[in-house]
Structures are given as C-alpha cells and as structure tokens.
Amino acid sequence: MKKLIYILIWIIYPTFIIAQDTTNSLFTIENENITISKGSLLISFTVVVEPSTHIATNQMLEIIPILQPVGNAQDDIILPAILLTGRNRSIINERYKKYNVDIYKTCRRKNKTKQSIDYTILMPYEPWMNNGNIVLASELFGCADCKKYESETLLATINKEDYIVQPHVAFITPPKEEVKMRAQKGTAYLDFLVNQTTINPTYKQNEQELFKIKNSIELVKNDKNTSITDIEIVGYASPEGSYQNNARLAQGRAEALKNYVISLYNLDNKLINVSSVPEDWAGLKEYVLNNPLENKEEVLSIINSNISEDEKDLRIKNLGNGSTYAFLLKNVYPSLRHSDYTINYLVKDFDIDEAKAVLKSSPQQLSLQEFYIVSQLYPKGSKEFNEIFDVAVRMFPQDKIANANAAAIEIINGNLPRATMYIDKADKNNAAVINNKGVIELLSNNLDSAEILFLDARSKGSQEAVDNLVELQKKRSNSE
C-alpha cells in the first residue's frame, strides 16, 4: 500500500460533494465534506466519541482513512490516522514513538465525556481517484497490541462532477408593426369550354373550385378584425397552341373570375386587379425538374432556351415519337391552366387580452410584437412560453427576429442543431444573436469560440454576454 506526503490544513472549503452519515459502535462521523477544487482533493470530517465509549488506560483506538481506487490499477492509499489513547498508552507512545501508520493527530481519551476530533487533509487530485471510495478502518488495541476490535466503514465515494453551465439566453423585443398587412392566397383550377372565357359554375369541378375562392374571401370579409384592401387575380394558360390565343384566354378567364367575384359580393370594380401569364412555362419547368419524364433533359433544355414560346411548344411536340408531348398534354397541362388569387387585407391592433385570444384562433393576425407581449404572461422556458415563439416563427418564417427568438427557445430546450438552423437566418450583427451563438458554442464545449462571441456581444451592449463570460470562466476552472 502506498503512502503519500500530504498538506495538513485546518480550514473548511465550500462543500462540493456531501458524503453519507457514517456510524460505528465506538464513534460516529459528522460534517463529512469531500471536495474537488483546483486540482486538489479535500477530505474533511469530525470524529465524535460519545460518553459511553470507554477506552482503558492501556488501550489505543486507531481511526485510519483509506482511499480505495476503482479496479486494480492503483493500490489503496493509507492516509494519516487519528489515535485515541488511554492515559498509560499515551505515555508509552510519547516515550517510544513507534507507530505502524502516519499520524494525523493523537488525543487522550477522557472517558465518560463527549469528544470531537476534526480531521482535514488536502491532497493532489488525480483522475484515477474518481469513483473511488474513502473508508474508515478502526482498530482497538490492548496493552500487548492485541486487537480487541476492528471495523471498516464507508465514509464517501469520490465523484468529480463536471460543472453544469447555466447559460443566459437573450431574446429580442420586436418593434411595433405600424401597418399590419396580411394576405390570403389560393389557386383555382377552373374548367372552360375549348377557346371560351365564360365561367360555367356547374361545369366539371368548377363548383368546388369557386367555393375555395368564396371561402377565402368570406373568411377575411366577415372577420371583425380585418378589412380587405384589394384582391389580385392572375390568370394562366397552358403552353399548347399559339401564344397569341393563349394570351387572350389567360386574360379573358382572369377577367371572368373578377366579374364573378364582383357579382357575388357587390365589390368596387377598382378593388380587384387582374393580370395574366399567357403560358405557364415556369409551372411546366417545376414539374419536369421534380418528376421522372421521358426525354427529361431535352425538355428542360427547350424550356430554358431563348426561342419563342410557339417554337418551344413545337420542339417538345416533335420529341421522339410524340409520346412525351402526349403525356404532358394529358397529365401536366391541365394543372397549368389556373387562376391565382391574393386577398390583401389590414388587421387591427390588439391589446394583450385580445392578442391572447387571437393567438388561439387566428395567429396569422398577430404582429411579432404582439406575440412577444403575450409570451411575457408566462414563465420563461414554460410550455406556453416556448409554444408562442414556435408559432411566431411559423407565421414569419423569413423574419430575422422571429428566427432569433426561435433559436433562443431551442437552446433552452437543448436542441442545438435546430437552434443553429434558426440562428443562421437571424441578424448576425445583433448583440442578442451573437450572445446566443456564443451559448451554442459554450454548450458544445467550444470555450475559446464562445469567449470570442461573448466579448463581441458584450461590446454591443449584451448583459447576457457579461453573465455568460462568468459561466465560461466557471466551466474553464472546472475543466482545469
């Protein structure tokens, strides 16, 4: 068994690991304190001998702390012992000073009294000590050094824990949205007789398609919180046939839809704006890119070329034996004949109670600032708090502030990859964003990168960054 040189101290360190209560028939242990700090292991406890414990004049009680490492890589470490002696044994010890262990302290037993003996020792901490046990071996010797009693009791298990960082995440308060403009968008696939621009509400699927438009308008028109500012209708025709005729059909069919809407709701003619795209080549390209198709590369090359639309149509028609064109004509071109509509409308401002109610029914009507105000009704990190910012970023998926706050929520939730996805869409020069990037690095244990970001955020006025620099130092100290 190894013996070490120790530094004996009489100070008490802040508790890092609390050991369990230890009992023995001759004494008890109190105030156990096993601390790992700055590369040192502190072992501290108090031996309490009750009045009922009798040690005869020639007897001696040895109390020996032993560090028992896990496994067989290291031998047990015998630490300096406490000796509690009777009167005659104390005199003999002083005369001959022959001991089989290093002595921490020798005390004479005062029978029928309660005695407390403090033990504190500081030794270098080494990684192999982690998870090892500290036990107290006690032996009572008689006048001829015969053992009268011996026992071994667990004092504590050494458990070096990594410091758990308590990061300070920053949120951004959004500015007021002065004009709350919103849009309801949709697409109607109306069927017309060949070369006709008149809408027949009962023809094929027209009743269903017209219902979509009516439902979209009525959702806005009948909402007390909104008012329609204008409606945009864009008509599209498919690429087959002459470009000139398709231009006529696309515009005429869009005008027909405008007139139908006006007739239903008695709207001002100036409220609805109509435009058209004679042939929906963009829609055709999107289909070809995302689906398997015979002669796919040739079709894409034709679509991307600078020749006229009629020439494009002809070249696609002449590909191979015409099967590609026949497939497109049957399966793709019908979906390229459509009318896209956008209902633009204004939304009123809400007080906090109204905003809380609208959040559940029509969250798209809230501004980012209103989302934020409602979030402050709930504790930070609560389910309700987190959900509000999640809904906000879904309503404003491209907004830098919405993404910054969504990233903050994901950091709190511990989802760092998702936090990074959001924060990459935020303002990289914002102090809160820089701080939160630093938190991601800190939680990823990239301490140097985190420090650079925190210093930058601090220079831009982030108090969270100031607090995080303290956390970073605690983490560094623990690692060291």
Protein backbone atom coordinates (compact mmCIF):
# COMPACT_ATOMS: atom_id res chain seq x y z
CA MET A 1 0.00 0.00 0.00
CA LYS A 2 1.26 3.46 -0.91
CA LYS A 3 1.91 6.32 1.47
CA LEU A 4 1.79 9.91 0.27
CA ILE A 5 3.05 13.24 1.56
CA TYR A 6 0.07 15.41 2.46
CA ILE A 7 -0.62 19.05 3.25
CA LEU A 8 -2.47 19.20 6.57
CA ILE A 9 -4.82 22.15 6.88
CA TRP A 10 -7.36 23.43 9.37
CA ILE A 11 -9.75 25.25 7.06
CA ILE A 12 -13.14 24.31 5.74
CA TYR A 13 -13.80 24.56 1.96
CA PRO A 14 -17.27 25.02 0.42
CA THR A 15 -18.98 21.65 0.09
CA PHE A 16 -18.77 20.10 -3.37
CA ILE A 17 -19.77 16.52 -2.57
CA ILE A 18 -21.64 15.56 0.58
CA ALA A 19 -20.90 12.09 1.89
CA GLN A 20 -23.33 9.86 3.73
CA ASP A 21 -23.61 9.67 7.52
CA THR A 22 -21.22 7.09 8.95
CA THR A 23 -21.73 5.24 12.20
CA ASN A 24 -19.55 2.96 14.30
CA SER A 25 -20.08 1.25 17.66
CA LEU A 26 -17.22 3.29 19.23
CA PHE A 27 -17.71 6.63 17.42
CA THR A 28 -19.77 8.45 14.82
CA ILE A 29 -18.77 10.71 11.93
CA GLU A 30 -20.25 14.13 11.31
CA ASN A 31 -19.64 17.06 8.92
CA GLU A 32 -18.36 14.92 6.05
CA ASN A 33 -17.03 17.15 3.26
CA ILE A 34 -15.33 15.67 0.18
CA THR A 35 -14.41 18.50 -2.22
CA ILE A 36 -12.59 18.52 -5.55
CA SER A 37 -11.36 22.01 -6.42
CA LYS A 38 -8.49 23.43 -8.49
CA GLY A 39 -6.68 20.12 -8.79
CA SER A 40 -6.95 19.15 -5.12
CA LEU A 41 -8.99 16.65 -3.14
CA LEU A 42 -10.17 17.83 0.25
CA ILE A 43 -11.25 15.24 2.84
CA SER A 44 -12.79 16.65 5.98
CA PHE A 45 -14.90 15.13 8.75
CA THR A 46 -15.38 15.12 12.53
CA VAL A 47 -15.00 12.03 14.74
CA VAL A 48 -17.49 12.13 17.61
CA VAL A 49 -16.82 9.84 20.62
CA GLU A 50 -19.83 9.53 22.93
CA PRO A 51 -19.54 9.36 26.76
CA SER A 52 -20.49 5.67 26.65
CA THR A 53 -17.31 4.73 24.75
CA HIS A 54 -14.71 3.50 27.28
CA ILE A 55 -11.02 3.17 26.37
CA ALA A 56 -8.94 1.59 29.12
CA THR A 57 -5.71 3.23 30.25
CA ASN A 58 -3.52 0.80 28.25
CA GLN A 59 -5.69 0.77 25.12
CA MET A 60 -5.46 2.71 21.85
CA LEU A 61 -8.06 3.29 19.11
CA GLU A 62 -6.68 3.89 15.60
CA ILE A 63 -9.01 5.54 13.05
CA ILE A 64 -7.40 5.29 9.60
CA PRO A 65 -8.90 6.85 6.44
CA ILE A 66 -8.15 4.75 3.36
CA LEU A 67 -8.66 5.78 -0.28
CA GLN A 68 -9.66 2.71 -2.29
CA PRO A 69 -9.40 3.30 -6.08
CA VAL A 70 -11.69 1.53 -8.55
CA GLY A 71 -10.15 -1.59 -10.09
CA ASN A 72 -6.59 -2.77 -9.67
CA ALA A 73 -4.72 0.00 -11.46
CA GLN A 74 -3.73 1.66 -8.16
CA ASP A 75 -3.05 0.39 -4.64
CA ASP A 76 -5.06 1.57 -1.66
CA ILE A 77 -3.80 4.87 -0.25
CA ILE A 78 -3.36 4.86 3.56
CA LEU A 79 -3.97 8.36 4.91
CA PRO A 80 -2.65 9.70 8.25
CA ALA A 81 -4.52 8.28 11.24
CA ILE A 82 -6.19 9.60 14.36
CA LEU A 83 -5.02 7.90 17.60
CA LEU A 84 -7.28 7.97 20.64
CA THR A 85 -5.43 6.57 23.65
CA GLY A 86 -5.85 5.77 27.30
CA ARG A 87 -3.57 7.50 29.88
CA ASN A 88 -0.80 4.87 30.14
CA ARG A 89 -0.84 4.18 26.37
CA SER A 90 -0.42 7.87 25.73
CA ILE A 91 2.71 7.98 27.95
CA ILE A 92 4.20 4.91 26.24
CA ASN A 93 3.54 6.38 22.77
CA GLU A 94 5.29 9.59 23.74
CA ARG A 95 8.27 7.68 25.13
CA TYR A 96 8.86 5.26 22.25
CA LYS A 97 7.08 6.92 19.28
CA LYS A 98 6.75 3.64 17.43
CA TYR A 99 3.78 3.68 15.05
CA ASN A 100 2.79 1.48 12.12
CA VAL A 101 0.95 4.34 10.38
CA ASP A 102 1.46 8.06 9.73
CA ILE A 103 -0.15 10.09 12.50
CA TYR A 104 -2.51 12.95 11.85
CA LYS A 105 -3.42 13.63 15.47
CA THR A 106 -3.09 11.90 18.84
CA CYS A 107 -5.68 12.55 21.53
CA ARG A 108 -6.05 11.19 25.07
CA ARG A 109 -9.47 9.69 25.80
CA LYS A 110 -11.45 11.36 28.55
CA ASN A 111 -13.85 8.61 29.50
CA LYS A 112 -17.47 9.48 30.31
CA THR A 113 -17.24 12.64 28.20
CA LYS A 114 -18.15 13.51 24.62
CA GLN A 115 -15.11 14.28 22.48
CA SER A 116 -14.99 15.70 18.93
CA ILE A 117 -11.88 15.39 16.78
CA ASP A 118 -11.71 17.33 13.50
CA TYR A 119 -9.88 15.80 10.54
CA THR A 120 -8.95 17.82 7.42
CA ILE A 121 -6.46 16.81 4.76
CA LEU A 122 -5.68 18.21 1.30
CA MET A 123 -4.00 16.09 -1.34
CA PRO A 124 -3.40 16.36 -5.11
CA TYR A 125 -6.39 15.12 -7.10
CA GLU A 126 -5.73 12.66 -9.90
CA PRO A 127 -8.31 11.34 -12.39
CA TRP A 128 -7.91 7.73 -11.25
CA MET A 129 -9.35 8.74 -7.87
CA ASN A 130 -12.78 9.42 -9.38
CA ASN A 131 -15.44 6.94 -8.22
CA GLY A 132 -13.06 5.58 -5.61
CA ASN A 133 -14.22 5.00 -2.01
CA ILE A 134 -12.96 6.61 1.16
CA VAL A 135 -13.37 4.18 4.07
CA LEU A 136 -12.55 4.48 7.76
CA ALA A 137 -10.72 1.49 9.23
CA SER A 138 -10.82 1.43 13.04
CA GLU A 139 -8.80 -0.86 15.32
CA LEU A 140 -8.77 -1.06 19.15
CA PHE A 141 -5.52 -2.42 20.62
CA GLY A 142 -4.88 -3.70 24.12
CA CYS A 143 -1.74 -3.39 26.26
CA ALA A 144 0.15 -6.04 24.27
CA ASP A 145 -1.05 -4.69 20.96
CA CYS A 146 -3.63 -7.42 20.73
CA LYS A 147 -6.69 -6.38 18.76
CA LYS A 148 -9.84 -6.04 20.79
CA TYR A 149 -11.98 -4.66 18.00
CA GLU A 150 -11.77 -3.73 14.30
CA SER A 151 -14.19 -2.48 11.65
CA GLU A 152 -14.26 -0.76 8.26
CA THR A 153 -16.96 1.75 7.32
CA LEU A 154 -17.63 3.65 4.06
CA LEU A 155 -17.20 7.37 4.53
CA ALA A 156 -17.88 8.57 0.96
CA THR A 157 -17.46 7.86 -2.74
CA ILE A 158 -15.40 10.38 -4.68
CA ASN A 159 -17.49 11.77 -7.52
CA LYS A 160 -15.97 14.51 -9.61
CA GLU A 161 -18.85 16.15 -11.46
CA ASP A 162 -18.40 18.45 -14.45
CA TYR A 163 -19.72 21.94 -13.91
CA ILE A 164 -23.17 22.28 -15.46
CA VAL A 165 -23.31 25.57 -17.30
CA GLN A 166 -26.27 27.85 -16.59
CA PRO A 167 -26.38 29.82 -19.86
CA HIS A 168 -28.06 33.20 -20.19
CA VAL A 169 -30.09 33.23 -23.41
CA ALA A 170 -31.15 36.54 -24.94
CA PHE A 171 -34.47 37.38 -26.60
CA ILE A 172 -35.16 40.30 -28.93
CA THR A 173 -38.18 42.54 -28.39
CA PRO A 174 -39.71 43.11 -31.86
CA PRO A 175 -40.59 46.67 -32.93
CA LYS A 176 -44.21 47.70 -33.49
CA GLU A 177 -45.64 46.76 -36.89
CA GLU A 178 -47.12 50.09 -37.99
CA VAL A 179 -49.32 48.66 -40.75
CA LYS A 180 -50.41 45.05 -40.27
CA MET A 181 -50.88 43.90 -43.87
CA ARG A 182 -51.73 40.27 -44.43
CA ALA A 183 -52.59 38.17 -47.48
CA GLN A 184 -54.80 35.15 -48.09
CA LYS A 185 -53.57 33.28 -51.16
CA GLY A 186 -55.01 30.43 -53.21
CA THR A 187 -55.24 28.80 -56.63
CA ALA A 188 -58.40 27.90 -58.55
CA TYR A 189 -58.35 25.33 -61.38
CA LEU A 190 -61.42 26.35 -63.36
CA ASP A 191 -62.59 24.39 -66.40
CA PHE A 192 -63.68 26.25 -69.53
CA LEU A 193 -65.08 25.06 -72.83
CA VAL A 194 -62.40 24.98 -75.54
CA ASN A 195 -61.33 28.51 -76.51
CA GLN A 196 -64.02 30.02 -74.24
CA THR A 197 -63.62 32.54 -71.39
CA THR A 198 -67.09 32.29 -69.83
CA ILE A 199 -67.36 30.68 -66.38
CA ASN A 200 -69.97 27.96 -66.03
CA PRO A 201 -70.30 27.36 -62.26
CA THR A 202 -71.71 23.86 -62.76
CA TYR A 203 -69.18 22.69 -65.38
CA LYS A 204 -66.94 19.79 -64.24
CA GLN A 205 -65.17 20.75 -60.97
CA ASN A 206 -65.97 24.47 -61.13
CA GLU A 207 -68.38 24.46 -58.20
CA GLN A 208 -65.68 23.09 -55.93
CA GLU A 209 -63.00 25.48 -57.23
CA LEU A 210 -65.25 28.52 -56.94
CA PHE A 211 -66.09 27.55 -53.37
CA LYS A 212 -62.39 27.82 -52.47
CA ILE A 213 -62.31 31.42 -53.69
CA LYS A 214 -65.58 32.36 -51.98
CA ASN A 215 -64.46 30.76 -48.72
CA SER A 216 -61.15 32.66 -48.77
CA ILE A 217 -62.88 36.00 -49.38
CA GLU A 218 -65.55 35.41 -46.74
CA LEU A 219 -63.02 34.41 -44.08
CA VAL A 220 -61.49 37.87 -44.40
CA LYS A 221 -64.62 39.85 -45.24
CA ASN A 222 -66.60 38.53 -42.26
CA ASP A 223 -63.82 38.92 -39.70
CA LYS A 224 -64.38 41.95 -37.47
CA ASN A 225 -60.61 42.34 -37.06
CA THR A 226 -59.83 42.69 -40.78
CA SER A 227 -60.67 44.81 -43.79
CA ILE A 228 -59.93 43.96 -47.43
CA THR A 229 -57.70 46.46 -49.22
CA ASP A 230 -57.57 44.77 -52.66
CA ILE A 231 -57.76 41.43 -54.48
CA GLU A 232 -55.26 40.31 -57.11
CA ILE A 233 -56.15 37.73 -59.76
CA VAL A 234 -53.54 36.30 -62.14
CA GLY A 235 -54.72 34.05 -64.98
CA TYR A 236 -52.51 31.34 -66.54
CA ALA A 237 -52.90 29.26 -69.69
CA SER A 238 -51.00 26.08 -70.61
CA PRO A 239 -48.31 26.12 -73.34
CA GLU A 240 -50.08 24.14 -76.09
CA GLY A 241 -51.48 26.13 -79.02
CA SER A 242 -50.50 29.58 -80.22
CA TYR A 243 -49.06 32.08 -77.77
CA GLN A 244 -51.37 34.83 -79.05
CA ASN A 245 -54.52 32.78 -78.40
CA ASN A 246 -53.26 31.67 -75.01
CA ALA A 247 -52.65 35.30 -74.04
CA ARG A 248 -56.30 36.05 -74.91
CA LEU A 249 -57.56 33.04 -72.93
CA ALA A 250 -55.43 33.75 -69.84
CA GLN A 251 -56.51 37.39 -69.61
CA GLY A 252 -60.12 36.71 -70.54
CA ARG A 253 -60.54 33.95 -67.99
CA ALA A 254 -58.98 36.10 -65.24
CA GLU A 255 -61.42 38.90 -66.13
CA ALA A 256 -64.28 36.40 -66.00
CA LEU A 257 -63.29 35.39 -62.48
CA LYS A 258 -63.12 39.05 -61.46
CA ASN A 259 -66.64 39.66 -62.74
CA TYR A 260 -67.89 36.57 -60.95
CA VAL A 261 -66.47 37.76 -57.62
CA ILE A 262 -67.91 41.27 -58.09
CA SER A 263 -71.34 39.80 -58.79
CA LEU A 264 -71.25 37.77 -55.61
CA TYR A 265 -70.15 40.46 -53.19
CA ASN A 266 -71.04 43.74 -54.93
CA LEU A 267 -67.43 44.86 -54.64
CA ASP A 268 -65.98 48.00 -56.17
CA ASN A 269 -64.52 47.22 -59.59
CA LYS A 270 -61.34 49.08 -58.61
CA LEU A 271 -60.82 46.74 -55.67
CA ILE A 272 -59.84 43.82 -57.91
CA ASN A 273 -56.69 43.91 -60.03
CA VAL A 274 -56.35 41.47 -62.93
CA SER A 275 -53.24 40.34 -64.80
CA SER A 276 -52.23 37.26 -66.76
CA VAL A 277 -49.38 34.97 -67.81
CA PRO A 278 -50.18 33.67 -71.33
CA GLU A 279 -48.35 30.34 -70.85
CA ASP A 280 -47.17 28.83 -67.58
CA TRP A 281 -43.70 27.69 -68.60
CA ALA A 282 -42.44 28.17 -65.03
CA GLY A 283 -45.01 25.67 -63.77
CA LEU A 284 -44.03 23.20 -66.51
CA LYS A 285 -40.33 23.55 -65.62
CA GLU A 286 -41.03 22.91 -61.94
CA TYR A 287 -42.92 19.71 -62.80
CA VAL A 288 -40.19 18.41 -65.13
CA LEU A 289 -37.44 19.13 -62.57
CA ASN A 290 -39.21 17.22 -59.79
CA ASN A 291 -40.66 14.22 -61.64
CA PRO A 292 -39.44 11.39 -63.88
CA LEU A 293 -40.17 12.08 -67.54
CA GLU A 294 -39.18 10.63 -70.90
CA ASN A 295 -36.69 12.93 -72.64
CA LYS A 296 -36.43 14.96 -69.44
CA GLU A 297 -33.14 16.69 -70.22
CA GLU A 298 -34.24 17.61 -73.74
CA VAL A 299 -37.48 19.10 -72.40
CA LEU A 300 -35.57 21.17 -69.83
CA SER A 301 -33.15 22.36 -72.50
CA ILE A 302 -36.04 23.51 -74.68
CA ILE A 303 -37.78 25.29 -71.78
CA ASN A 304 -34.55 27.13 -70.86
CA SER A 305 -33.75 28.16 -74.44
CA ASN A 306 -34.27 31.69 -75.81
CA ILE A 307 -36.52 30.67 -78.72
CA SER A 308 -40.15 31.78 -78.94
CA GLU A 309 -42.89 30.08 -76.94
CA ASP A 310 -44.53 28.69 -80.07
CA GLU A 311 -41.19 27.22 -81.19
CA LYS A 312 -40.71 25.63 -77.75
CA ASP A 313 -44.14 24.06 -77.97
CA LEU A 314 -43.37 22.68 -81.43
CA ARG A 315 -40.00 21.20 -80.45
CA ILE A 316 -41.44 19.42 -77.41
CA LYS A 317 -44.23 18.08 -79.63
CA ASN A 318 -41.64 16.64 -82.04
CA LEU A 319 -39.53 14.89 -79.41
CA GLY A 320 -39.21 11.16 -80.13
CA ASN A 321 -42.48 9.75 -81.39
CA GLY A 322 -44.63 12.38 -79.64
CA SER A 323 -45.23 10.29 -76.51
CA THR A 324 -43.61 12.90 -74.22
CA TYR A 325 -45.93 15.63 -75.52
CA ALA A 326 -48.96 13.36 -75.24
CA PHE A 327 -48.10 12.61 -71.61
CA LEU A 328 -47.70 16.30 -70.78
CA LEU A 329 -50.89 17.24 -72.56
CA LYS A 330 -52.90 14.70 -70.57
CA ASN A 331 -51.25 14.74 -67.15
CA VAL A 332 -49.50 18.09 -66.69
CA TYR A 333 -51.00 20.82 -68.86
CA PRO A 334 -54.45 20.82 -67.18
CA SER A 335 -52.81 21.93 -63.90
CA LEU A 336 -51.08 24.78 -65.76
CA ARG A 337 -54.47 26.34 -66.55
CA HIS A 338 -55.26 28.14 -63.33
CA SER A 339 -56.09 31.43 -61.68
CA ASP A 340 -54.04 32.50 -58.67
CA TYR A 341 -55.71 34.92 -56.29
CA THR A 342 -54.43 37.01 -53.39
CA ILE A 343 -56.71 38.77 -50.92
CA ASN A 344 -54.77 41.58 -49.26
CA TYR A 345 -56.19 42.90 -46.01
CA LEU A 346 -55.45 45.06 -42.97
CA VAL A 347 -55.58 43.73 -39.40
CA LYS A 348 -56.38 45.91 -36.38
CA ASP A 349 -54.01 46.26 -33.45
CA PHE A 350 -54.81 44.12 -30.39
CA ASP A 351 -54.50 44.76 -26.69
CA ILE A 352 -52.95 41.96 -24.61
CA ASP A 353 -56.25 40.19 -23.82
CA GLU A 354 -57.36 40.31 -27.46
CA ALA A 355 -53.94 39.10 -28.61
CA LYS A 356 -54.09 36.15 -26.22
CA ALA A 357 -57.46 35.11 -27.68
CA VAL A 358 -56.42 35.68 -31.32
CA LEU A 359 -53.28 33.57 -30.73
CA LYS A 360 -55.51 30.51 -30.43
CA SER A 361 -57.89 31.26 -33.31
CA SER A 362 -56.01 33.31 -35.94
CA PRO A 363 -52.31 33.62 -35.05
CA GLN A 364 -51.52 34.98 -38.53
CA GLN A 365 -53.26 38.22 -37.49
CA LEU A 366 -50.77 38.97 -34.70
CA SER A 367 -47.68 41.07 -35.14
CA LEU A 368 -44.36 39.78 -33.84
CA GLN A 369 -44.53 42.37 -31.09
CA GLU A 370 -47.96 41.07 -30.04
CA PHE A 371 -46.60 37.51 -29.94
CA TYR A 372 -43.80 38.74 -27.69
CA ILE A 373 -46.13 40.66 -25.36
CA VAL A 374 -48.33 37.57 -24.87
CA SER A 375 -45.24 35.44 -24.18
CA GLN A 376 -44.40 37.64 -21.19
CA LEU A 377 -47.56 36.39 -19.44
CA TYR A 378 -45.82 33.03 -18.92
CA PRO A 379 -42.62 31.97 -17.12
CA LYS A 380 -39.56 31.84 -19.38
CA GLY A 381 -39.00 28.26 -20.51
CA SER A 382 -42.57 27.15 -19.75
CA LYS A 383 -44.51 25.13 -22.32
CA GLU A 384 -46.76 28.10 -23.14
CA PHE A 385 -43.79 30.47 -23.45
CA ASN A 386 -41.96 28.15 -25.84
CA GLU A 387 -45.03 27.44 -27.99
CA ILE A 388 -45.67 31.14 -28.61
CA PHE A 389 -42.24 31.64 -30.19
CA ASP A 390 -42.64 28.42 -32.18
CA VAL A 391 -45.93 29.67 -33.65
CA ALA A 392 -44.40 33.11 -34.29
CA VAL A 393 -41.59 31.73 -36.46
CA ARG A 394 -44.10 29.63 -38.42
CA MET A 395 -46.14 32.77 -39.10
CA PHE A 396 -42.99 34.77 -40.01
CA PRO A 397 -40.58 32.12 -41.35
CA GLN A 398 -38.22 34.62 -43.02
CA ASP A 399 -38.20 37.26 -40.28
CA LYS A 400 -34.79 37.71 -38.63
CA ILE A 401 -36.18 38.49 -35.17
CA ALA A 402 -38.64 35.57 -35.27
CA ASN A 403 -35.78 33.23 -36.15
CA ALA A 404 -33.51 34.71 -33.47
CA ASN A 405 -36.12 34.15 -30.75
CA ALA A 406 -36.95 30.66 -32.06
CA ALA A 407 -33.24 29.84 -31.80
CA ALA A 408 -33.26 31.02 -28.18
CA ILE A 409 -36.15 28.64 -27.42
CA GLU A 410 -34.32 25.70 -29.00
CA ILE A 411 -31.20 26.50 -26.95
CA ILE A 412 -33.32 26.39 -23.78
CA ASN A 413 -34.79 23.07 -24.98
CA GLY A 414 -31.29 21.70 -25.59
CA ASN A 415 -31.80 21.22 -29.33
CA LEU A 416 -28.60 22.86 -30.58
CA PRO A 417 -28.81 21.69 -34.25
CA ARG A 418 -32.29 23.21 -34.57
CA ALA A 419 -31.13 26.34 -32.73
CA THR A 420 -28.30 26.68 -35.26
CA MET A 421 -30.76 26.31 -38.15
CA TYR A 422 -32.82 29.23 -36.84
CA ILE A 423 -29.92 31.43 -35.80
CA ASP A 424 -28.40 31.22 -39.28
CA LYS A 425 -31.49 33.12 -40.51
CA ALA A 426 -31.14 35.86 -37.88
CA ASP A 427 -29.23 39.15 -37.94
CA LYS A 428 -25.61 38.15 -37.45
CA ASN A 429 -24.71 41.64 -36.17
CA ASN A 430 -27.33 41.73 -33.41
CA ALA A 431 -25.91 41.53 -29.87
CA ALA A 432 -28.56 39.00 -28.72
CA VAL A 433 -27.86 36.78 -31.73
CA ILE A 434 -24.10 36.93 -31.17
CA ASN A 435 -24.61 36.07 -27.49
CA ASN A 436 -26.82 33.10 -28.36
CA LYS A 437 -24.27 31.86 -30.88
CA GLY A 438 -21.78 32.00 -28.02
CA VAL A 439 -24.14 29.96 -25.84
CA ILE A 440 -24.31 27.28 -28.55
CA GLU A 441 -20.51 27.16 -28.61
CA LEU A 442 -20.34 27.09 -24.81
CA LEU A 443 -22.80 24.21 -24.56
CA SER A 444 -20.80 22.43 -27.28
CA ASN A 445 -17.70 22.87 -25.07
CA ASN A 446 -16.00 25.12 -27.63
CA LEU A 447 -14.87 27.54 -24.95
CA ASP A 448 -12.47 29.66 -26.99
CA SER A 449 -15.04 30.26 -29.74
CA ALA A 450 -17.67 31.04 -27.12
CA GLU A 451 -15.43 33.61 -25.44
CA ILE A 452 -14.83 35.49 -28.70
CA LEU A 453 -18.57 35.70 -29.32
CA PHE A 454 -19.39 36.76 -25.75
CA LEU A 455 -16.77 39.51 -25.86
CA ASP A 456 -18.23 40.75 -29.15
CA ALA A 457 -21.78 40.67 -27.77
CA ARG A 458 -20.67 42.44 -24.59
CA SER A 459 -19.11 45.23 -26.66
CA LYS A 460 -22.50 45.67 -28.35
CA GLY A 461 -24.29 46.02 -25.01
CA SER A 462 -25.46 42.48 -24.15
CA GLN A 463 -25.84 41.94 -20.40
CA GLU A 464 -26.42 38.24 -21.06
CA ALA A 465 -22.93 38.08 -22.58
CA VAL A 466 -21.47 39.58 -19.39
CA ASP A 467 -23.17 36.85 -17.34
CA ASN A 468 -22.11 34.16 -19.80
CA LEU A 469 -18.45 35.18 -19.52
CA VAL A 470 -18.74 34.35 -15.81
CA GLU A 471 -20.27 30.97 -16.67
CA LEU A 472 -17.50 30.33 -19.16
CA GLN A 473 -14.85 31.01 -16.52
CA LYS A 474 -16.55 28.60 -14.12
CA LYS A 475 -16.55 25.96 -16.84
CA ARG A 476 -12.89 26.58 -17.60
CA SER A 477 -11.94 26.36 -13.93
CA ASN A 478 -13.81 23.08 -13.58
CA SER A 479 -12.12 21.66 -16.68
CA GLU A 480 -8.71 22.70 -15.41
